Amino acid sequence: MTKTEKIKHVTKSVIAFMDALGYTIVDDNSGCLTFSNGEGNCNDYISYHRTYQDVYTINGCNDKVKLIEDKLNTFVKQMVSQVWLTA
């Protein structure tokens, strides 16, 4: 797999993971995906940077969103280790 293929594979897995949790995915075509569950406000969005394969939220988000962020972070780390360590 090329670097681009690996990034796309991890990104597709992240989208499927968040979709299964009931989150809406917004692609701003700038390298980031934003996930929203339709509750709360913009403080409760979760962002994923495709190239850096990093997950983040703002400090003011609620505890439920922080928990989902932690789950997604763990999932991304597992996917990255599986994809990048294989040939």
N, C-alpha and C. Protein backbone atom coordinates (compact mmCIF):
# COMPACT_ATOMS: atom_id res chain seq x y z
N MET A 1 0.83 -1.18 0.00
CA MET A 1 0.00 0.00 0.00
C MET A 1 0.87 1.25 0.00
N THR A 2 0.47 2.23 -0.76
CA THR A 2 1.20 3.50 -0.75
C THR A 2 0.76 4.32 0.46
N LYS A 3 1.48 5.39 0.73
CA LYS A 3 1.15 6.26 1.85
C LYS A 3 -0.28 6.81 1.71
N THR A 4 -0.63 7.25 0.51
CA THR A 4 -1.96 7.79 0.26
C THR A 4 -3.03 6.72 0.49
N GLU A 5 -2.80 5.52 0.03
CA GLU A 5 -3.76 4.43 0.23
C GLU A 5 -3.94 4.12 1.71
N LYS A 6 -2.86 4.16 2.46
CA LYS A 6 -2.94 3.91 3.91
C LYS A 6 -3.76 4.98 4.60
N ILE A 7 -3.52 6.24 4.26
CA ILE A 7 -4.27 7.34 4.86
C ILE A 7 -5.75 7.22 4.52
N LYS A 8 -6.06 6.89 3.26
CA LYS A 8 -7.46 6.73 2.85
C LYS A 8 -8.13 5.57 3.57
N HIS A 9 -7.40 4.49 3.77
CA HIS A 9 -7.94 3.32 4.46
C HIS A 9 -8.29 3.67 5.91
N VAL A 10 -7.38 4.34 6.60
CA VAL A 10 -7.64 4.73 7.99
C VAL A 10 -8.81 5.71 8.04
N THR A 11 -8.85 6.67 7.13
CA THR A 11 -9.93 7.66 7.10
C THR A 11 -11.28 6.99 6.88
N LYS A 12 -11.36 6.04 5.95
CA LYS A 12 -12.61 5.33 5.71
C LYS A 12 -13.04 4.56 6.95
N SER A 13 -12.10 3.99 7.66
CA SER A 13 -12.41 3.26 8.90
C SER A 13 -12.92 4.21 9.98
N VAL A 14 -12.34 5.39 10.07
CA VAL A 14 -12.78 6.40 11.04
C VAL A 14 -14.21 6.84 10.72
N ILE A 15 -14.48 7.07 9.45
CA ILE A 15 -15.83 7.47 9.04
C ILE A 15 -16.85 6.39 9.41
N ALA A 16 -16.53 5.14 9.14
CA ALA A 16 -17.43 4.04 9.46
C ALA A 16 -17.64 3.93 10.97
N PHE A 17 -16.58 4.12 11.75
CA PHE A 17 -16.65 4.05 13.21
C PHE A 17 -17.59 5.13 13.75
N MET A 18 -17.42 6.36 13.28
CA MET A 18 -18.24 7.47 13.77
C MET A 18 -19.67 7.37 13.25
N ASP A 19 -19.85 6.88 12.04
CA ASP A 19 -21.18 6.67 11.49
C ASP A 19 -21.95 5.66 12.33
N ALA A 20 -21.27 4.60 12.77
CA ALA A 20 -21.90 3.58 13.61
C ALA A 20 -22.33 4.15 14.96
N LEU A 21 -21.64 5.19 15.42
CA LEU A 21 -22.02 5.84 16.69
C LEU A 21 -23.12 6.89 16.50
N GLY A 22 -23.55 7.08 15.26
CA GLY A 22 -24.63 8.01 14.98
C GLY A 22 -24.21 9.44 14.74
N TYR A 23 -22.96 9.65 14.41
CA TYR A 23 -22.45 11.00 14.17
C TYR A 23 -22.59 11.38 12.70
N THR A 24 -22.88 12.65 12.47
CA THR A 24 -22.92 13.21 11.13
C THR A 24 -21.50 13.65 10.77
N ILE A 25 -21.10 13.37 9.54
CA ILE A 25 -19.74 13.70 9.09
C ILE A 25 -19.80 14.87 8.14
N VAL A 26 -18.97 15.88 8.41
CA VAL A 26 -18.86 17.04 7.54
C VAL A 26 -17.42 17.09 7.03
N ASP A 27 -17.27 17.08 5.71
CA ASP A 27 -15.95 17.14 5.08
C ASP A 27 -15.78 18.54 4.51
N ASP A 28 -14.87 19.31 5.08
CA ASP A 28 -14.67 20.68 4.62
C ASP A 28 -13.64 20.78 3.50
N ASN A 29 -13.16 19.64 3.03
CA ASN A 29 -12.19 19.57 1.94
C ASN A 29 -10.90 20.33 2.23
N SER A 30 -10.57 20.46 3.50
CA SER A 30 -9.31 21.11 3.86
C SER A 30 -8.39 20.14 4.59
N GLY A 31 -8.74 18.87 4.57
CA GLY A 31 -7.93 17.87 5.25
C GLY A 31 -8.51 17.44 6.58
N CYS A 32 -9.61 18.05 6.99
CA CYS A 32 -10.23 17.71 8.27
C CYS A 32 -11.64 17.21 8.07
N LEU A 33 -12.04 16.30 8.94
CA LEU A 33 -13.42 15.87 9.02
C LEU A 33 -13.96 16.34 10.35
N THR A 34 -15.20 16.78 10.36
CA THR A 34 -15.84 17.21 11.60
C THR A 34 -17.03 16.31 11.86
N PHE A 35 -17.14 15.83 13.09
CA PHE A 35 -18.21 14.92 13.48
C PHE A 35 -19.12 15.60 14.48
N SER A 36 -20.43 15.48 14.25
CA SER A 36 -21.43 16.07 15.14
C SER A 36 -22.53 15.06 15.38
N ASN A 37 -23.00 15.00 16.62
CA ASN A 37 -24.11 14.09 16.91
C ASN A 37 -25.45 14.81 16.90
N GLY A 38 -25.45 16.09 16.53
CA GLY A 38 -26.68 16.85 16.44
C GLY A 38 -27.15 17.41 17.77
N GLU A 39 -26.43 17.13 18.83
CA GLU A 39 -26.75 17.65 20.15
C GLU A 39 -25.72 18.71 20.51
N GLY A 40 -26.08 19.57 21.41
CA GLY A 40 -25.12 20.57 21.86
C GLY A 40 -24.88 21.65 20.83
N ASN A 41 -23.69 22.20 20.85
CA ASN A 41 -23.34 23.28 19.93
C ASN A 41 -21.97 23.01 19.31
N CYS A 42 -21.40 24.00 18.68
CA CYS A 42 -20.12 23.80 18.00
C CYS A 42 -18.99 23.42 18.95
N ASN A 43 -19.16 23.66 20.23
CA ASN A 43 -18.15 23.24 21.21
C ASN A 43 -18.09 21.72 21.32
N ASP A 44 -19.13 21.04 20.87
CA ASP A 44 -19.21 19.59 21.01
C ASP A 44 -18.88 18.83 19.73
N TYR A 45 -18.20 19.47 18.81
CA TYR A 45 -17.76 18.81 17.59
C TYR A 45 -16.45 18.08 17.85
N ILE A 46 -16.26 17.00 17.12
CA ILE A 46 -15.00 16.26 17.17
C ILE A 46 -14.38 16.39 15.78
N SER A 47 -13.10 16.72 15.73
CA SER A 47 -12.41 16.89 14.45
C SER A 47 -11.35 15.81 14.28
N TYR A 48 -11.16 15.44 13.03
CA TYR A 48 -10.14 14.43 12.67
C TYR A 48 -9.34 14.99 11.51
N HIS A 49 -8.03 15.05 11.68
CA HIS A 49 -7.16 15.53 10.61
C HIS A 49 -6.63 14.32 9.85
N ARG A 50 -6.94 14.28 8.56
CA ARG A 50 -6.59 13.10 7.74
C ARG A 50 -5.09 12.84 7.66
N THR A 51 -4.33 13.86 7.31
CA THR A 51 -2.91 13.66 7.09
C THR A 51 -2.18 13.28 8.37
N TYR A 52 -2.48 14.02 9.45
CA TYR A 52 -1.81 13.76 10.73
C TYR A 52 -2.45 12.61 11.49
N GLN A 53 -3.63 12.19 11.04
CA GLN A 53 -4.38 11.12 11.69
C GLN A 53 -4.50 11.40 13.18
N ASP A 54 -5.01 12.60 13.47
CA ASP A 54 -5.12 13.09 14.83
C ASP A 54 -6.57 13.48 15.12
N VAL A 55 -7.01 13.25 16.35
CA VAL A 55 -8.36 13.54 16.79
C VAL A 55 -8.29 14.64 17.84
N TYR A 56 -9.20 15.61 17.75
CA TYR A 56 -9.19 16.67 18.76
C TYR A 56 -10.56 17.31 18.92
N THR A 57 -10.75 17.88 20.09
CA THR A 57 -11.93 18.69 20.42
C THR A 57 -11.43 19.94 21.12
N ILE A 58 -12.32 20.89 21.33
CA ILE A 58 -11.91 22.06 22.09
C ILE A 58 -12.07 21.77 23.59
N ASN A 59 -11.42 22.55 24.40
CA ASN A 59 -11.44 22.32 25.84
C ASN A 59 -12.82 22.46 26.46
N GLY A 60 -13.70 23.24 25.85
CA GLY A 60 -15.01 23.50 26.43
C GLY A 60 -16.08 22.47 26.13
N CYS A 61 -15.72 21.37 25.50
CA CYS A 61 -16.74 20.37 25.16
C CYS A 61 -17.19 19.62 26.41
N ASN A 62 -18.36 18.99 26.31
CA ASN A 62 -18.88 18.27 27.48
C ASN A 62 -18.19 16.92 27.65
N ASP A 63 -18.44 16.30 28.79
CA ASP A 63 -17.77 15.05 29.14
C ASP A 63 -18.11 13.90 28.20
N LYS A 64 -19.35 13.87 27.72
CA LYS A 64 -19.76 12.80 26.79
C LYS A 64 -18.93 12.87 25.50
N VAL A 65 -18.72 14.07 25.00
CA VAL A 65 -17.93 14.26 23.79
C VAL A 65 -16.47 13.88 24.03
N LYS A 66 -15.94 14.24 25.20
CA LYS A 66 -14.57 13.86 25.55
C LYS A 66 -14.41 12.34 25.58
N LEU A 67 -15.43 11.65 26.08
CA LEU A 67 -15.40 10.18 26.12
C LEU A 67 -15.37 9.60 24.71
N ILE A 68 -16.21 10.14 23.81
CA ILE A 68 -16.22 9.69 22.42
C ILE A 68 -14.88 10.01 21.76
N GLU A 69 -14.32 11.17 22.07
CA GLU A 69 -13.01 11.54 21.52
C GLU A 69 -11.95 10.52 21.95
N ASP A 70 -11.98 10.12 23.21
CA ASP A 70 -11.02 9.12 23.70
C ASP A 70 -11.20 7.78 22.99
N LYS A 71 -12.45 7.37 22.78
CA LYS A 71 -12.71 6.11 22.06
C LYS A 71 -12.19 6.20 20.63
N LEU A 72 -12.47 7.33 19.98
CA LEU A 72 -12.01 7.50 18.59
C LEU A 72 -10.50 7.54 18.53
N ASN A 73 -9.88 8.20 19.49
CA ASN A 73 -8.41 8.27 19.53
C ASN A 73 -7.81 6.88 19.65
N THR A 74 -8.38 6.06 20.52
CA THR A 74 -7.91 4.68 20.68
C THR A 74 -8.08 3.90 19.39
N PHE A 75 -9.24 4.06 18.75
CA PHE A 75 -9.51 3.38 17.49
C PHE A 75 -8.51 3.79 16.41
N VAL A 76 -8.26 5.09 16.31
CA VAL A 76 -7.31 5.59 15.30
C VAL A 76 -5.92 5.03 15.54
N LYS A 77 -5.48 5.01 16.78
CA LYS A 77 -4.15 4.47 17.10
C LYS A 77 -4.05 3.00 16.71
N GLN A 78 -5.12 2.24 16.97
CA GLN A 78 -5.12 0.83 16.59
C GLN A 78 -5.07 0.67 15.08
N MET A 79 -5.87 1.44 14.37
CA MET A 79 -5.88 1.37 12.90
C MET A 79 -4.53 1.77 12.32
N VAL A 80 -3.96 2.84 12.83
CA VAL A 80 -2.67 3.31 12.32
C VAL A 80 -1.61 2.25 12.54
N SER A 81 -1.59 1.64 13.72
CA SER A 81 -0.57 0.62 13.98
C SER A 81 -0.77 -0.60 13.08
N GLN A 82 -2.01 -0.97 12.82
CA GLN A 82 -2.28 -2.11 11.93
C GLN A 82 -1.89 -1.80 10.49
N VAL A 83 -2.29 -0.64 10.00
CA VAL A 83 -2.09 -0.29 8.59
C VAL A 83 -0.65 0.06 8.31
N TRP A 84 -0.03 0.86 9.15
CA TRP A 84 1.32 1.35 8.87
C TRP A 84 2.39 0.31 9.16
N LEU A 85 2.10 -0.66 10.02
CA LEU A 85 3.12 -1.66 10.32
C LEU A 85 3.06 -2.87 9.40
N THR A 86 2.01 -2.94 8.57
CA THR A 86 1.94 -4.02 7.60
C THR A 86 2.60 -3.57 6.30
N ALA A 87 2.96 -4.52 5.51
CA ALA A 87 3.67 -4.20 4.26
C ALA A 87 2.84 -3.45 3.28
